[in-house]
Amino acid sequence: MEYRLRPHPQMPRIYLYQDPVDFRKSFRSLAAIVEQELGHNPFEGALYAFTNRRRDKIKLLYWEDNGFVLYYKSLAEEKFHWPGGEEELVSLTGQQINWLLDGYDIGAMKGHRKLQYEATF
């Protein structure tokens, strides 16, 4: 049986920090980015994702009841497909963060367009 340590797909608030960060930063420095640069309270239970300049490492920061949880993944040969954009912070779903951890390009994953009709004939 295979076990994985991953964010829950139903996790409500997940944010992707767009700019690369120095990966020597500890949980304290990452929490300071959340508070000072993003204006968020790092103790409110949201999950924050950070990457390095080469996009081959990811850190997830999460406050759990009485302490920070820091998830760290370093890829052996690949790179994470970090979505681009002008925003400093991108909101993700639990499924999207897991797709990102699995190596999918979530920026390229688009579903069918939504249709809305007024009548059936």
Protein backbone atom coordinates (compact mmCIF):
# COMPACT_ATOMS: atom_id res chain seq x y z
CA MET A 1 0.00 0.00 0.00
CA GLU A 2 1.26 3.46 -0.90
CA TYR A 3 0.90 6.39 1.50
CA ARG A 4 1.32 10.04 0.64
CA LEU A 5 1.58 13.10 2.81
CA ARG A 6 -0.51 15.63 0.91
CA PRO A 7 -2.91 18.54 1.44
CA HIS A 8 -6.51 17.39 1.68
CA PRO A 9 -8.43 17.92 -1.60
CA GLN A 10 -11.17 19.74 0.33
CA MET A 11 -8.78 22.24 1.97
CA PRO A 12 -10.58 25.57 1.54
CA ARG A 13 -7.85 28.23 1.37
CA ILE A 14 -4.66 27.57 -0.60
CA TYR A 15 -2.47 30.33 -1.96
CA LEU A 16 0.41 30.10 -4.40
CA TYR A 17 3.09 32.77 -3.94
CA GLN A 18 4.27 33.70 -7.45
CA ASP A 19 7.79 35.01 -6.79
CA PRO A 20 10.60 32.54 -6.12
CA VAL A 21 11.98 32.60 -2.57
CA ASP A 22 15.36 31.75 -1.07
CA PHE A 23 14.94 28.19 0.16
CA ARG A 24 17.22 28.77 3.11
CA LYS A 25 14.22 30.55 4.64
CA SER A 26 12.66 28.77 7.60
CA PHE A 27 9.00 28.61 8.52
CA ARG A 28 9.45 31.88 10.43
CA SER A 29 10.69 33.75 7.36
CA LEU A 30 7.94 32.28 5.18
CA ALA A 31 5.32 33.28 7.77
CA ALA A 32 6.82 36.79 7.70
CA ILE A 33 6.31 36.92 3.91
CA VAL A 34 2.68 35.87 4.41
CA GLU A 35 2.15 38.57 7.02
CA GLN A 36 4.26 41.48 5.74
CA GLU A 37 4.14 41.12 1.96
CA LEU A 38 0.70 39.57 1.51
CA GLY A 39 -1.09 41.16 4.45
CA HIS A 40 -2.52 37.80 5.57
CA ASN A 41 -2.52 36.32 9.04
CA PRO A 42 -0.37 33.15 8.83
CA PHE A 43 -2.14 31.72 11.91
CA GLU A 44 -5.61 31.53 10.29
CA GLY A 45 -5.16 28.06 8.78
CA ALA A 46 -4.58 28.82 5.10
CA LEU A 47 -1.95 26.87 3.18
CA TYR A 48 0.77 28.85 1.37
CA ALA A 49 2.93 27.40 -1.42
CA PHE A 50 6.41 28.72 -2.24
CA THR A 51 8.99 27.68 -4.83
CA ASN A 52 12.64 28.39 -5.53
CA ARG A 53 14.12 30.13 -8.58
CA ARG A 54 14.81 26.85 -10.44
CA ARG A 55 11.23 25.61 -9.72
CA ASP A 56 12.50 22.20 -8.63
CA LYS A 57 11.54 22.60 -4.97
CA ILE A 58 8.32 23.48 -3.19
CA LYS A 59 7.52 24.41 0.40
CA LEU A 60 4.00 24.46 1.79
CA LEU A 61 3.37 26.38 5.01
CA TYR A 62 0.34 25.71 7.18
CA TRP A 63 -0.63 26.61 10.76
CA GLU A 64 -2.12 23.59 12.50
CA ASP A 65 -3.63 24.26 15.96
CA ASN A 66 -0.41 24.92 17.89
CA GLY A 67 2.45 25.04 15.41
CA PHE A 68 3.52 25.41 11.80
CA VAL A 69 3.63 22.45 9.44
CA LEU A 70 6.26 22.80 6.71
CA TYR A 71 5.98 20.43 3.74
CA TYR A 72 9.09 20.30 1.54
CA LYS A 73 9.41 18.49 -1.78
CA SER A 74 12.56 18.49 -3.90
CA LEU A 75 12.32 16.99 -7.37
CA ALA A 76 15.17 14.79 -8.57
CA GLU A 77 14.96 15.59 -12.29
CA GLU A 78 11.85 17.60 -13.16
CA LYS A 79 10.52 21.10 -12.48
CA PHE A 80 7.21 22.28 -11.07
CA HIS A 81 4.95 23.97 -13.61
CA TRP A 82 4.36 27.18 -11.69
CA PRO A 83 1.45 29.11 -13.17
CA GLY A 84 2.33 32.54 -14.47
CA GLY A 85 0.42 35.73 -14.05
CA GLU A 86 0.55 39.28 -12.84
CA GLU A 87 -0.91 38.58 -9.41
CA GLU A 88 1.46 38.19 -6.48
CA LEU A 89 -0.79 35.49 -5.05
CA VAL A 90 -2.90 32.86 -6.83
CA SER A 91 -5.74 31.01 -5.14
CA LEU A 92 -5.88 27.23 -5.71
CA THR A 93 -8.15 24.36 -4.80
CA GLY A 94 -6.99 21.30 -2.90
CA GLN A 95 -7.15 19.28 -6.10
CA GLN A 96 -5.03 21.83 -7.96
CA ILE A 97 -2.24 21.86 -5.36
CA ASN A 98 -2.12 18.07 -5.52
CA TRP A 99 -1.98 18.20 -9.33
CA LEU A 100 0.90 20.68 -9.04
CA LEU A 101 2.73 18.32 -6.66
CA ASP A 102 2.17 15.50 -9.18
CA GLY A 103 3.79 17.53 -11.96
CA TYR A 104 0.78 18.75 -13.91
CA ASP A 105 0.69 22.19 -15.51
CA ILE A 106 -2.41 23.55 -13.78
CA GLY A 107 -2.26 26.75 -15.82
CA ALA A 108 -2.86 24.74 -19.02
CA MET A 109 -5.66 22.60 -17.57
CA LYS A 110 -8.91 24.11 -18.70
CA GLY A 111 -12.25 22.35 -18.80
CA HIS A 112 -15.03 22.70 -21.31
CA ARG A 113 -16.66 26.09 -21.51
CA LYS A 114 -19.84 26.53 -19.49
CA LEU A 115 -23.07 26.81 -21.45
CA GLN A 116 -26.30 28.44 -20.37
CA TYR A 117 -29.54 28.25 -22.31
CA GLU A 118 -32.86 30.01 -21.86
CA ALA A 119 -35.00 27.23 -23.36
CA THR A 120 -34.71 23.59 -24.42
CA PHE A 121 -35.87 24.12 -28.04
